[in-house]
Amino acid sequence: MITIDITVLIQIINILILIVVMNAVLYKPVRAVLAKRREKIAELANSIETFKKNAELRKEEIARKLNDARKKAKEEIEKSKSSAQVSSAESLAQVRQGALANKTVQLGEIQKEFAEAQKQLSGQIDSFASDMAAKILGRSI
């Protein structure tokens, strides 16, 4: 049987001292480490949320800038097309004017050559006519 004497009281005091010593040596440092880990995890979670928000903001900003760049590019392309059409129309008009001027000059030269050839041939018509008549008749005239 169990007898209650002074040893029970000493065992109770011994257990209480052991609890106090273990609390001071083991439990408090472990709890402190766990509390620091909880704080660090909370800070990391906040940092992650901040980074996610910043990433979303940057993503939206990049999308907006990309859309602006596309709009500017389309505007520049349209401007380039219209200026190219204007410049091609102007150059085509200049080429047509040059061709018309060249045509007029060449036509004038041809008319001059034609007039000179007519003058030369009109002076030789009599000799050509007599030569042809001689060939047709078979005798000289």
N, C-alpha and C. Protein backbone atom coordinates (compact mmCIF):
# COMPACT_ATOMS: atom_id res chain seq x y z
N MET A 1 0.80 -1.17 0.00
CA MET A 1 0.00 0.00 0.00
C MET A 1 0.85 1.25 0.00
N ILE A 2 0.14 2.30 -0.30
CA ILE A 2 0.83 3.57 -0.37
C ILE A 2 0.67 4.26 0.98
N THR A 3 1.78 4.64 1.44
CA THR A 3 1.75 5.38 2.71
C THR A 3 2.08 6.83 2.43
N ILE A 4 1.39 7.68 3.05
CA ILE A 4 1.62 9.11 2.87
C ILE A 4 2.52 9.56 4.00
N ASP A 5 3.69 9.96 3.62
CA ASP A 5 4.63 10.49 4.58
C ASP A 5 5.37 11.68 3.95
N ILE A 6 6.46 12.03 4.43
CA ILE A 6 7.21 13.19 4.00
C ILE A 6 7.76 13.04 2.58
N THR A 7 8.01 11.83 2.15
CA THR A 7 8.55 11.60 0.81
C THR A 7 7.56 12.04 -0.28
N VAL A 8 6.31 11.91 -0.02
CA VAL A 8 5.30 12.36 -0.99
C VAL A 8 5.39 13.88 -1.14
N LEU A 9 5.54 14.54 -0.04
CA LEU A 9 5.65 15.99 -0.07
C LEU A 9 6.94 16.40 -0.79
N ILE A 10 8.00 15.70 -0.57
CA ILE A 10 9.27 15.99 -1.24
C ILE A 10 9.11 15.73 -2.75
N GLN A 11 8.42 14.70 -3.13
CA GLN A 11 8.20 14.38 -4.55
C GLN A 11 7.36 15.47 -5.21
N ILE A 12 6.37 15.98 -4.51
CA ILE A 12 5.53 17.05 -5.06
C ILE A 12 6.37 18.31 -5.25
N ILE A 13 7.18 18.64 -4.26
CA ILE A 13 8.05 19.81 -4.37
C ILE A 13 9.05 19.59 -5.50
N ASN A 14 9.58 18.40 -5.60
CA ASN A 14 10.53 18.06 -6.65
C ASN A 14 9.90 18.23 -8.04
N ILE A 15 8.68 17.78 -8.21
CA ILE A 15 7.97 17.91 -9.49
C ILE A 15 7.72 19.38 -9.80
N LEU A 16 7.32 20.17 -8.81
CA LEU A 16 7.08 21.59 -9.02
C LEU A 16 8.37 22.31 -9.44
N ILE A 17 9.48 21.97 -8.78
CA ILE A 17 10.77 22.57 -9.15
C ILE A 17 11.15 22.16 -10.57
N LEU A 18 10.93 20.90 -10.91
CA LEU A 18 11.21 20.41 -12.25
C LEU A 18 10.37 21.16 -13.30
N ILE A 19 9.11 21.41 -12.98
CA ILE A 19 8.23 22.15 -13.90
C ILE A 19 8.76 23.57 -14.10
N VAL A 20 9.16 24.22 -13.00
CA VAL A 20 9.67 25.60 -13.09
C VAL A 20 10.96 25.62 -13.90
N VAL A 21 11.86 24.69 -13.63
CA VAL A 21 13.16 24.66 -14.34
C VAL A 21 12.94 24.34 -15.82
N MET A 22 12.10 23.38 -16.15
CA MET A 22 11.84 23.03 -17.55
C MET A 22 11.16 24.18 -18.29
N ASN A 23 10.28 24.85 -17.59
CA ASN A 23 9.62 26.01 -18.20
C ASN A 23 10.65 27.09 -18.53
N ALA A 24 11.59 27.35 -17.61
CA ALA A 24 12.60 28.38 -17.82
C ALA A 24 13.61 27.96 -18.88
N VAL A 25 14.03 26.70 -18.87
CA VAL A 25 15.10 26.24 -19.73
C VAL A 25 14.58 25.77 -21.10
N LEU A 26 13.50 25.08 -21.16
CA LEU A 26 13.07 24.45 -22.40
C LEU A 26 11.85 25.13 -23.03
N TYR A 27 10.78 25.27 -22.32
CA TYR A 27 9.52 25.73 -22.92
C TYR A 27 9.57 27.19 -23.37
N LYS A 28 10.12 28.09 -22.55
CA LYS A 28 10.16 29.51 -22.93
C LYS A 28 11.00 29.74 -24.19
N PRO A 29 12.20 29.18 -24.31
CA PRO A 29 12.95 29.37 -25.56
C PRO A 29 12.25 28.78 -26.77
N VAL A 30 11.63 27.62 -26.60
CA VAL A 30 10.91 27.01 -27.72
C VAL A 30 9.73 27.88 -28.11
N ARG A 31 9.00 28.38 -27.12
CA ARG A 31 7.87 29.27 -27.41
C ARG A 31 8.35 30.56 -28.08
N ALA A 32 9.50 31.08 -27.64
CA ALA A 32 10.04 32.30 -28.25
C ALA A 32 10.40 32.05 -29.71
N VAL A 33 11.03 30.92 -29.98
CA VAL A 33 11.38 30.56 -31.36
C VAL A 33 10.12 30.40 -32.20
N LEU A 34 9.12 29.75 -31.68
CA LEU A 34 7.86 29.59 -32.41
C LEU A 34 7.18 30.93 -32.66
N ALA A 35 7.23 31.82 -31.67
CA ALA A 35 6.63 33.16 -31.86
C ALA A 35 7.37 33.93 -32.94
N LYS A 36 8.72 33.84 -32.94
CA LYS A 36 9.50 34.51 -33.99
C LYS A 36 9.18 33.94 -35.36
N ARG A 37 9.02 32.64 -35.43
CA ARG A 37 8.65 32.01 -36.71
C ARG A 37 7.28 32.48 -37.18
N ARG A 38 6.32 32.57 -36.26
CA ARG A 38 4.99 33.06 -36.63
C ARG A 38 5.08 34.48 -37.17
N GLU A 39 5.88 35.32 -36.48
CA GLU A 39 6.03 36.71 -36.93
C GLU A 39 6.68 36.77 -38.31
N LYS A 40 7.72 35.96 -38.50
CA LYS A 40 8.41 35.95 -39.79
C LYS A 40 7.48 35.46 -40.90
N ILE A 41 6.70 34.43 -40.62
CA ILE A 41 5.74 33.92 -41.60
C ILE A 41 4.70 34.98 -41.93
N ALA A 42 4.25 35.72 -40.93
CA ALA A 42 3.28 36.79 -41.17
C ALA A 42 3.91 37.89 -42.02
N GLU A 43 5.17 38.25 -41.72
CA GLU A 43 5.85 39.26 -42.53
C GLU A 43 6.02 38.80 -43.97
N LEU A 44 6.40 37.53 -44.14
CA LEU A 44 6.55 36.98 -45.49
C LEU A 44 5.22 36.97 -46.24
N ALA A 45 4.15 36.65 -45.53
CA ALA A 45 2.83 36.64 -46.16
C ALA A 45 2.46 38.06 -46.61
N ASN A 46 2.75 39.05 -45.74
CA ASN A 46 2.49 40.45 -46.12
C ASN A 46 3.35 40.86 -47.31
N SER A 47 4.61 40.45 -47.31
CA SER A 47 5.50 40.76 -48.43
C SER A 47 4.99 40.13 -49.71
N ILE A 48 4.52 38.90 -49.60
CA ILE A 48 3.98 38.21 -50.79
C ILE A 48 2.77 38.96 -51.32
N GLU A 49 1.90 39.38 -50.44
CA GLU A 49 0.72 40.14 -50.87
C GLU A 49 1.14 41.45 -51.55
N THR A 50 2.12 42.13 -50.94
CA THR A 50 2.61 43.39 -51.53
C THR A 50 3.20 43.14 -52.91
N PHE A 51 4.01 42.08 -53.03
CA PHE A 51 4.59 41.76 -54.33
C PHE A 51 3.52 41.40 -55.35
N LYS A 52 2.50 40.69 -54.92
CA LYS A 52 1.40 40.35 -55.85
C LYS A 52 0.70 41.60 -56.33
N LYS A 53 0.43 42.53 -55.38
CA LYS A 53 -0.24 43.78 -55.77
C LYS A 53 0.63 44.58 -56.73
N ASN A 54 1.93 44.66 -56.43
CA ASN A 54 2.85 45.39 -57.32
C ASN A 54 2.93 44.73 -58.69
N ALA A 55 2.94 43.41 -58.70
CA ALA A 55 2.98 42.69 -59.97
C ALA A 55 1.72 42.96 -60.79
N GLU A 56 0.58 42.97 -60.14
CA GLU A 56 -0.67 43.26 -60.86
C GLU A 56 -0.67 44.69 -61.40
N LEU A 57 -0.20 45.63 -60.59
CA LEU A 57 -0.13 47.02 -61.03
C LEU A 57 0.82 47.17 -62.22
N ARG A 58 1.96 46.51 -62.13
CA ARG A 58 2.92 46.58 -63.24
C ARG A 58 2.36 45.91 -64.49
N LYS A 59 1.66 44.81 -64.28
CA LYS A 59 1.06 44.11 -65.41
C LYS A 59 0.04 45.01 -66.12
N GLU A 60 -0.79 45.68 -65.34
CA GLU A 60 -1.77 46.61 -65.91
C GLU A 60 -1.08 47.77 -66.62
N GLU A 61 -0.01 48.29 -66.00
CA GLU A 61 0.72 49.39 -66.60
C GLU A 61 1.36 48.97 -67.92
N ILE A 62 1.93 47.78 -67.95
CA ILE A 62 2.55 47.28 -69.18
C ILE A 62 1.49 47.08 -70.25
N ALA A 63 0.35 46.55 -69.88
CA ALA A 63 -0.74 46.35 -70.85
C ALA A 63 -1.21 47.69 -71.41
N ARG A 64 -1.32 48.69 -70.53
CA ARG A 64 -1.74 50.02 -70.97
C ARG A 64 -0.71 50.63 -71.92
N LYS A 65 0.57 50.52 -71.55
CA LYS A 65 1.63 51.05 -72.40
C LYS A 65 1.69 50.33 -73.74
N LEU A 66 1.46 49.02 -73.71
CA LEU A 66 1.46 48.24 -74.94
C LEU A 66 0.31 48.68 -75.86
N ASN A 67 -0.87 48.90 -75.28
CA ASN A 67 -2.00 49.38 -76.08
C ASN A 67 -1.71 50.77 -76.65
N ASP A 68 -1.11 51.65 -75.84
CA ASP A 68 -0.75 52.98 -76.33
C ASP A 68 0.25 52.88 -77.48
N ALA A 69 1.23 52.00 -77.32
CA ALA A 69 2.24 51.82 -78.37
C ALA A 69 1.60 51.28 -79.65
N ARG A 70 0.65 50.37 -79.50
CA ARG A 70 -0.03 49.84 -80.69
C ARG A 70 -0.82 50.94 -81.40
N LYS A 71 -1.50 51.77 -80.60
CA LYS A 71 -2.27 52.87 -81.20
C LYS A 71 -1.35 53.83 -81.93
N LYS A 72 -0.22 54.17 -81.30
CA LYS A 72 0.73 55.08 -81.94
C LYS A 72 1.30 54.47 -83.21
N ALA A 73 1.58 53.18 -83.16
CA ALA A 73 2.12 52.50 -84.34
C ALA A 73 1.11 52.53 -85.49
N LYS A 74 -0.17 52.28 -85.16
CA LYS A 74 -1.21 52.33 -86.20
C LYS A 74 -1.32 53.73 -86.79
N GLU A 75 -1.26 54.74 -85.93
CA GLU A 75 -1.33 56.12 -86.41
C GLU A 75 -0.15 56.44 -87.32
N GLU A 76 1.04 56.01 -86.92
CA GLU A 76 2.23 56.26 -87.72
C GLU A 76 2.14 55.53 -89.06
N ILE A 77 1.62 54.32 -89.04
CA ILE A 77 1.47 53.57 -90.29
C ILE A 77 0.49 54.29 -91.21
N GLU A 78 -0.61 54.76 -90.65
CA GLU A 78 -1.59 55.48 -91.47
C GLU A 78 -0.99 56.77 -92.03
N LYS A 79 -0.23 57.49 -91.19
CA LYS A 79 0.42 58.71 -91.66
C LYS A 79 1.40 58.39 -92.78
N SER A 80 2.17 57.32 -92.59
CA SER A 80 3.16 56.94 -93.61
C SER A 80 2.47 56.54 -94.90
N LYS A 81 1.37 55.79 -94.78
CA LYS A 81 0.63 55.40 -95.99
C LYS A 81 0.11 56.62 -96.73
N SER A 82 -0.50 57.54 -95.98
CA SER A 82 -1.07 58.73 -96.64
C SER A 82 0.02 59.59 -97.25
N SER A 83 1.14 59.76 -96.55
CA SER A 83 2.23 60.56 -97.12
C SER A 83 2.84 59.86 -98.32
N ALA A 84 2.92 58.53 -98.28
CA ALA A 84 3.44 57.78 -99.42
C ALA A 84 2.51 57.92 -100.62
N GLN A 85 1.20 57.89 -100.37
CA GLN A 85 0.25 58.06 -101.47
C GLN A 85 0.36 59.46 -102.06
N VAL A 86 0.49 60.46 -101.19
CA VAL A 86 0.62 61.83 -101.67
C VAL A 86 1.90 61.99 -102.48
N SER A 87 3.02 61.47 -101.94
CA SER A 87 4.29 61.63 -102.65
C SER A 87 4.29 60.83 -103.96
N SER A 88 3.66 59.65 -103.96
CA SER A 88 3.60 58.88 -105.21
C SER A 88 2.72 59.59 -106.23
N ALA A 89 1.64 60.20 -105.79
CA ALA A 89 0.79 60.96 -106.72
C ALA A 89 1.55 62.15 -107.27
N GLU A 90 2.32 62.83 -106.41
CA GLU A 90 3.11 63.98 -106.88
C GLU A 90 4.18 63.53 -107.87
N SER A 91 4.88 62.46 -107.55
CA SER A 91 5.93 61.98 -108.45
C SER A 91 5.32 61.48 -109.76
N LEU A 92 4.16 60.84 -109.69
CA LEU A 92 3.48 60.40 -110.91
C LEU A 92 3.09 61.59 -111.77
N ALA A 93 2.60 62.64 -111.14
CA ALA A 93 2.25 63.85 -111.89
C ALA A 93 3.49 64.47 -112.53
N GLN A 94 4.60 64.48 -111.80
CA GLN A 94 5.83 65.02 -112.37
C GLN A 94 6.31 64.18 -113.53
N VAL A 95 6.22 62.86 -113.41
CA VAL A 95 6.64 61.97 -114.50
C VAL A 95 5.74 62.20 -115.71
N ARG A 96 4.44 62.34 -115.47
CA ARG A 96 3.52 62.59 -116.59
C ARG A 96 3.83 63.92 -117.27
N GLN A 97 4.12 64.94 -116.48
CA GLN A 97 4.47 66.24 -117.07
C GLN A 97 5.76 66.14 -117.87
N GLY A 98 6.74 65.42 -117.32
CA GLY A 98 8.00 65.24 -118.05
C GLY A 98 7.78 64.47 -119.33
N ALA A 99 6.97 63.43 -119.28
CA ALA A 99 6.68 62.63 -120.48
C ALA A 99 5.94 63.46 -121.52
N LEU A 100 4.99 64.28 -121.05
CA LEU A 100 4.24 65.13 -121.97
C LEU A 100 5.16 66.16 -122.62
N ALA A 101 6.06 66.75 -121.82
CA ALA A 101 7.00 67.73 -122.37
C ALA A 101 7.94 67.05 -123.36
N ASN A 102 8.43 65.87 -123.03
CA ASN A 102 9.31 65.12 -123.92
C ASN A 102 8.57 64.75 -125.21
N LYS A 103 7.32 64.35 -125.07
CA LYS A 103 6.50 64.00 -126.23
C LYS A 103 6.32 65.20 -127.15
N THR A 104 6.06 66.35 -126.53
CA THR A 104 5.87 67.58 -127.31
C THR A 104 7.15 67.95 -128.05
N VAL A 105 8.27 67.84 -127.38
CA VAL A 105 9.56 68.16 -128.01
C VAL A 105 9.83 67.20 -129.16
N GLN A 106 9.63 65.91 -128.94
CA GLN A 106 9.89 64.92 -129.98
C GLN A 106 8.92 65.08 -131.15
N LEU A 107 7.67 65.40 -130.82
CA LEU A 107 6.69 65.64 -131.89
C LEU A 107 7.11 66.84 -132.74
N GLY A 108 7.59 67.88 -132.10
CA GLY A 108 8.08 69.06 -132.85
C GLY A 108 9.26 68.70 -133.73
N GLU A 109 10.19 67.89 -133.21
CA GLU A 109 11.34 67.46 -134.00
C GLU A 109 10.89 66.63 -135.20
N ILE A 110 9.94 65.73 -134.96
CA ILE A 110 9.43 64.88 -136.05
C ILE A 110 8.77 65.74 -137.12
N GLN A 111 8.01 66.73 -136.69
CA GLN A 111 7.35 67.62 -137.67
C GLN A 111 8.38 68.41 -138.47
N LYS A 112 9.45 68.86 -137.80
CA LYS A 112 10.51 69.57 -138.53
C LYS A 112 11.18 68.65 -139.54
N GLU A 113 11.50 67.41 -139.10
CA GLU A 113 12.12 66.46 -140.01
C GLU A 113 11.19 66.13 -141.17
N PHE A 114 9.90 66.02 -140.87
CA PHE A 114 8.93 65.73 -141.92
C PHE A 114 8.87 66.88 -142.93
N ALA A 115 8.88 68.10 -142.41
CA ALA A 115 8.85 69.28 -143.30
C ALA A 115 10.11 69.33 -144.15
N GLU A 116 11.27 69.05 -143.56
CA GLU A 116 12.51 69.05 -144.34
C GLU A 116 12.49 67.96 -145.39
N ALA A 117 11.99 66.77 -145.02
CA ALA A 117 11.92 65.67 -145.98
C ALA A 117 10.97 66.02 -147.12
N GLN A 118 9.86 66.70 -146.81
CA GLN A 118 8.92 67.12 -147.86
C GLN A 118 9.59 68.12 -148.80
N LYS A 119 10.34 69.04 -148.23
CA LYS A 119 11.03 70.02 -149.08
C LYS A 119 12.03 69.34 -150.00
N GLN A 120 12.81 68.40 -149.43
CA GLN A 120 13.80 67.70 -150.24
C GLN A 120 13.13 66.87 -151.33
N LEU A 121 12.06 66.19 -150.93
CA LEU A 121 11.39 65.32 -151.90
C LEU A 121 10.61 66.12 -152.94
N SER A 122 10.06 67.28 -152.55
CA SER A 122 9.32 68.08 -153.54
C SER A 122 10.26 68.61 -154.61
N GLY A 123 11.52 68.85 -154.25
CA GLY A 123 12.49 69.28 -155.26
C GLY A 123 12.89 68.14 -156.17
N GLN A 124 12.77 66.92 -155.73
CA GLN A 124 13.18 65.76 -156.52
C GLN A 124 11.99 65.07 -157.19
N ILE A 125 10.80 65.61 -157.07
CA ILE A 125 9.60 64.98 -157.63
C ILE A 125 9.70 64.90 -159.16
N ASP A 126 10.19 65.94 -159.75
CA ASP A 126 10.29 65.95 -161.22
C ASP A 126 11.23 64.85 -161.70
N SER A 127 12.35 64.71 -161.04
CA SER A 127 13.30 63.68 -161.47
C SER A 127 12.74 62.28 -161.21
N PHE A 128 12.06 62.11 -160.08
CA PHE A 128 11.44 60.80 -159.79
C PHE A 128 10.35 60.48 -160.80
N ALA A 129 9.56 61.47 -161.14
CA ALA A 129 8.47 61.25 -162.10
C ALA A 129 9.03 60.87 -163.46
N SER A 130 10.07 61.54 -163.90
CA SER A 130 10.65 61.22 -165.21
C SER A 130 11.31 59.85 -165.18
N ASP A 131 11.96 59.49 -164.08
CA ASP A 131 12.57 58.16 -163.96
C ASP A 131 11.50 57.07 -163.99
N MET A 132 10.39 57.28 -163.30
CA MET A 132 9.31 56.30 -163.28
C MET A 132 8.64 56.19 -164.66
N ALA A 133 8.46 57.32 -165.27
CA ALA A 133 7.83 57.29 -166.60
C ALA A 133 8.74 56.56 -167.60
N ALA A 134 10.03 56.76 -167.43
CA ALA A 134 10.97 56.09 -168.31
C ALA A 134 10.95 54.59 -168.08
N LYS A 135 10.83 54.17 -166.86
CA LYS A 135 10.77 52.74 -166.56
C LYS A 135 9.48 52.13 -167.05
N ILE A 136 8.40 52.90 -166.92
CA ILE A 136 7.10 52.37 -167.37
C ILE A 136 7.05 52.29 -168.89
N LEU A 137 7.52 53.34 -169.51
CA LEU A 137 7.44 53.37 -170.96
C LEU A 137 8.56 52.55 -171.60
N GLY A 138 9.59 52.36 -170.85
CA GLY A 138 10.72 51.60 -171.37
C GLY A 138 11.65 52.45 -172.21
N ARG A 139 11.53 53.72 -172.19
CA ARG A 139 12.42 54.62 -172.92
C ARG A 139 12.61 55.86 -172.11
N SER A 140 13.59 56.66 -172.35
CA SER A 140 13.85 57.85 -171.58
C SER A 140 13.05 59.02 -172.14
N ILE A 141 12.66 59.94 -171.28
CA ILE A 141 11.82 61.06 -171.67
C ILE A 141 12.62 62.33 -171.56
